[in-house]
Protein backbone atom coordinates (compact mmCIF):
# COMPACT_ATOMS: atom_id res chain seq x y z
CA MET A 1 -8.37 10.78 0.13
CA GLY A 2 -7.58 7.74 2.08
CA LYS A 3 -3.87 6.75 2.93
CA ILE A 4 -1.92 3.73 3.81
CA LYS A 5 1.29 3.46 5.90
CA LEU A 6 4.08 1.08 4.57
CA ILE A 7 6.54 0.09 7.23
CA VAL A 8 9.86 -1.58 6.26
CA GLY A 9 12.13 -2.08 9.16
CA ASP A 10 12.63 0.99 10.94
CA GLU A 11 11.28 3.22 8.17
CA SER A 12 7.64 4.21 7.38
CA TYR A 13 6.16 5.90 4.28
CA THR A 14 2.76 7.23 3.33
CA ALA A 15 0.84 6.57 0.40
CA THR A 16 -2.17 8.34 -1.09
CA LEU A 17 -4.99 5.98 -2.39
CA LEU A 18 -6.21 6.77 -5.74
CA GLU A 19 -9.88 6.13 -5.05
CA THR A 20 -11.10 7.84 -8.15
CA GLU A 21 -8.77 6.54 -10.49
CA ALA A 22 -8.88 2.84 -9.38
CA PRO A 23 -11.83 2.52 -7.13
CA GLU A 24 -12.02 -1.37 -7.14
CA SER A 25 -8.47 -2.01 -6.91
CA VAL A 26 -8.40 0.40 -3.77
CA GLU A 27 -11.42 -1.34 -2.20
CA ALA A 28 -9.68 -4.75 -2.76
CA VAL A 29 -6.40 -3.65 -1.15
CA GLN A 30 -8.42 -2.18 2.00
CA ASP A 31 -10.28 -5.41 2.16
CA PHE A 32 -7.01 -7.45 2.92
CA LEU A 33 -5.16 -4.93 5.05
CA PRO A 34 -3.37 -4.90 7.33
CA LEU A 35 -0.65 -7.09 5.24
CA HIS A 36 2.35 -8.40 6.90
CA SER A 37 4.51 -9.96 4.22
CA GLU A 38 8.16 -9.65 2.51
CA LEU A 39 9.50 -7.00 0.28
CA MET A 40 11.64 -8.41 -2.30
CA HIS A 41 13.76 -7.01 -5.22
CA VAL A 42 12.16 -7.42 -8.55
CA ARG A 43 13.77 -9.74 -11.10
CA TRP A 44 12.65 -8.44 -14.38
CA SER A 45 11.30 -5.04 -13.86
CA GLY A 46 14.17 -2.45 -13.24
CA ILE A 47 14.49 -0.37 -10.07
CA ALA A 48 11.54 -1.80 -7.95
CA THR A 49 10.45 -4.04 -5.41
CA TRP A 50 7.49 -6.36 -4.98
CA ILE A 51 5.37 -8.14 -2.59
CA ASN A 52 3.88 -11.72 -3.53
CA ILE A 53 0.30 -11.68 -2.57
CA ASP A 54 -0.93 -15.00 -4.17
CA GLU A 55 -2.30 -16.19 -0.83
CA ILE A 56 -4.90 -13.55 -0.88
CA GLU A 57 -8.23 -14.16 -2.50
CA LEU A 58 -8.71 -11.15 -4.67
CA PRO A 59 -12.18 -10.49 -6.35
CA LYS A 60 -12.06 -10.45 -10.11
CA LEU A 61 -10.85 -6.95 -11.07
CA PRO A 62 -10.97 -4.84 -14.07
CA ARG A 63 -7.83 -3.11 -15.55
CA GLU A 64 -8.23 0.29 -14.17
CA ASN A 65 -5.57 3.12 -14.22
CA HIS A 66 -3.27 0.25 -15.39
CA THR A 67 0.30 0.79 -16.77
CA VAL A 68 3.40 -1.02 -17.58
CA TYR A 69 5.64 1.78 -16.91
CA PRO A 70 4.80 3.26 -13.28
CA SER A 71 6.45 6.59 -12.01
CA ILE A 72 8.73 6.50 -9.12
CA GLY A 73 6.61 6.07 -5.87
CA ASP A 74 3.73 4.21 -7.58
CA LEU A 75 2.11 1.25 -6.16
CA LEU A 76 0.74 -1.32 -8.72
CA LEU A 77 -1.81 -3.94 -7.88
CA TYR A 78 -1.36 -6.93 -10.28
CA PRO A 79 -4.35 -9.39 -9.72
CA GLY A 80 -2.72 -12.23 -11.68
CA TYR A 81 -3.96 -12.02 -15.13
CA ARG A 82 -0.94 -14.01 -16.58
CA ASN A 83 1.42 -14.24 -13.63
CA GLU A 84 1.29 -14.34 -9.84
CA GLN A 85 -0.45 -11.69 -7.91
CA GLU A 86 1.54 -9.09 -6.50
CA ILE A 87 2.12 -5.32 -5.53
CA LEU A 88 4.90 -3.64 -7.42
CA TRP A 89 6.48 -0.51 -5.85
CA ALA A 90 8.34 1.46 -8.39
CA CYS A 91 11.52 3.04 -6.95
CA GLY A 92 13.18 4.34 -10.01
CA PRO A 93 12.81 3.62 -13.75
CA THR A 94 10.62 0.48 -14.09
CA ALA A 95 9.10 -1.55 -16.80
CA PHE A 96 6.70 -4.14 -15.30
CA LYS A 97 7.74 -7.57 -16.63
CA SER A 98 7.93 -11.09 -15.99
CA PRO A 99 8.99 -14.39 -17.81
CA ALA A 100 5.44 -14.07 -19.26
CA GLY A 101 6.32 -10.64 -20.83
CA GLU A 102 5.22 -7.19 -20.00
CA LEU A 103 2.48 -6.75 -17.25
CA ALA A 104 0.13 -3.94 -16.69
CA GLY A 105 -0.70 -3.41 -12.94
CA ASN A 106 -3.57 -1.29 -11.62
CA HIS A 107 -1.92 1.91 -10.09
CA PHE A 108 -3.86 2.16 -6.88
CA ALA A 109 -1.66 4.54 -4.56
CA THR A 110 1.38 6.73 -4.71
CA VAL A 111 3.91 6.81 -2.14
CA ASP A 112 5.16 10.24 -0.68
CA ALA A 113 8.86 9.71 -0.55
CA SER A 114 11.82 11.30 -2.16
CA ARG A 115 13.86 9.71 -5.18
CA GLU A 116 16.75 9.12 -2.77
CA GLU A 117 14.53 7.34 0.10
CA LEU A 118 12.99 4.96 -2.73
CA LYS A 119 16.32 4.39 -4.18
CA SER A 120 17.86 3.54 -0.92
CA LEU A 121 14.99 1.20 -0.10
CA GLU A 122 15.45 -0.69 -3.52
CA ALA A 123 19.14 -0.91 -3.03
CA ARG A 124 18.59 -2.42 0.32
CA THR A 125 16.42 -5.21 -0.93
CA LEU A 126 19.02 -5.90 -3.75
CA ALA A 127 22.05 -5.91 -1.29
CA ASP A 128 20.32 -7.40 1.75
CA GLY A 129 17.64 -9.53 0.46
CA THR A 130 13.91 -9.56 1.51
CA GLN A 131 12.71 -7.04 4.11
CA ASP A 132 9.80 -7.35 6.49
CA ILE A 133 6.84 -5.15 5.38
CA THR A 134 3.53 -4.23 6.88
CA ILE A 135 0.96 -2.14 5.09
CA LYS A 136 -1.82 -0.83 7.11
CA MET A 137 -4.83 1.77 6.77
CA ILE A 138 -4.25 5.26 8.37
CA TRP A 139 -7.45 4.95 10.40
CA CYS A 140 -8.63 8.56 10.63
CA ASP A 141 -8.74 8.84 6.83
CA PHE A 142 -10.36 5.35 6.49
CA ILE A 143 -12.93 6.21 8.92
CA THR A 144 -13.82 9.49 7.25
CA ASN A 145 -14.06 7.60 4.08
CA LEU A 146 -16.16 5.03 5.32
CA GLN A 147 -18.59 7.68 7.06
CA ARG A 148 -18.71 9.50 3.54
CA ARG A 149 -19.98 6.37 2.28
CA SER A 150 -22.55 5.73 4.99
CA GLN A 151 -21.14 2.39 5.74
CA LEU A 152 -20.41 3.21 9.52
CA SER A 153 -23.00 3.92 12.14
CA ASN A 154 -22.73 7.17 14.27
CA HIS A 155 -22.36 5.02 17.29
CA VAL A 156 -19.17 3.29 15.86
CA ILE A 157 -17.79 6.60 14.80
CA ARG A 158 -18.37 8.00 18.28
CA LEU A 159 -16.61 5.13 19.82
CA TYR A 160 -13.58 5.62 17.51
CA GLU A 161 -13.37 9.35 18.26
CA GLN A 162 -13.68 8.63 22.00
CA ALA A 163 -10.90 6.04 21.73
CA THR A 164 -8.55 8.19 19.73
CA TRP A 165 -9.27 11.23 22.34
CA VAL A 166 -8.07 8.90 25.22
CA ASP A 167 -5.06 7.84 23.15
CA ARG A 168 -4.03 11.40 22.36
CA HIS A 169 -4.69 12.51 26.26
CA SER A 170 -3.53 9.46 27.90
CA HIS A 171 -0.89 11.13 30.15
CA TYR A 172 -1.24 12.84 33.54
CA GLU A 173 1.58 14.89 34.65
CA GLY A 174 3.80 13.57 32.08
CA ARG A 175 3.12 9.81 33.23
CA PRO A 176 1.10 7.31 31.41
CA ILE A 177 -2.39 6.63 32.94
């Protein structure tokens, strides 16, 4: 399974992509990563945060693995059926809503974090306002996934493996090479 990393300030979180449950949504997200944006507190939905992605041109996405009531740690992709495009990050009890009413987002990933960590993140966006966020692929999983789908040549995979070996072994007697 592929994974993504979410970096908010000095904190980082890992999320597992739900490739079987929401394949088209996962592919759409992978296509626009890395994403550098702002994480904001929700206005209508409860204990959650969100990222506006209106500037991203998403493909037409079906409703897949969609929900109005995400669990703590769920990431939902909302492709803008009745409202702006966004990613919702549930940090506690959440009912996905907007001025247009209830919204159902595609649950495409689940963040591996404790309730306390997510509640702290949500409280920070509420008290301190928007937070810078970066979302990116964790490449070893992404490369493996692409290789499984035969979308990457063996030559590119060898180059990637060599680069990661150099990165892991780039010290000589404790000094960077």
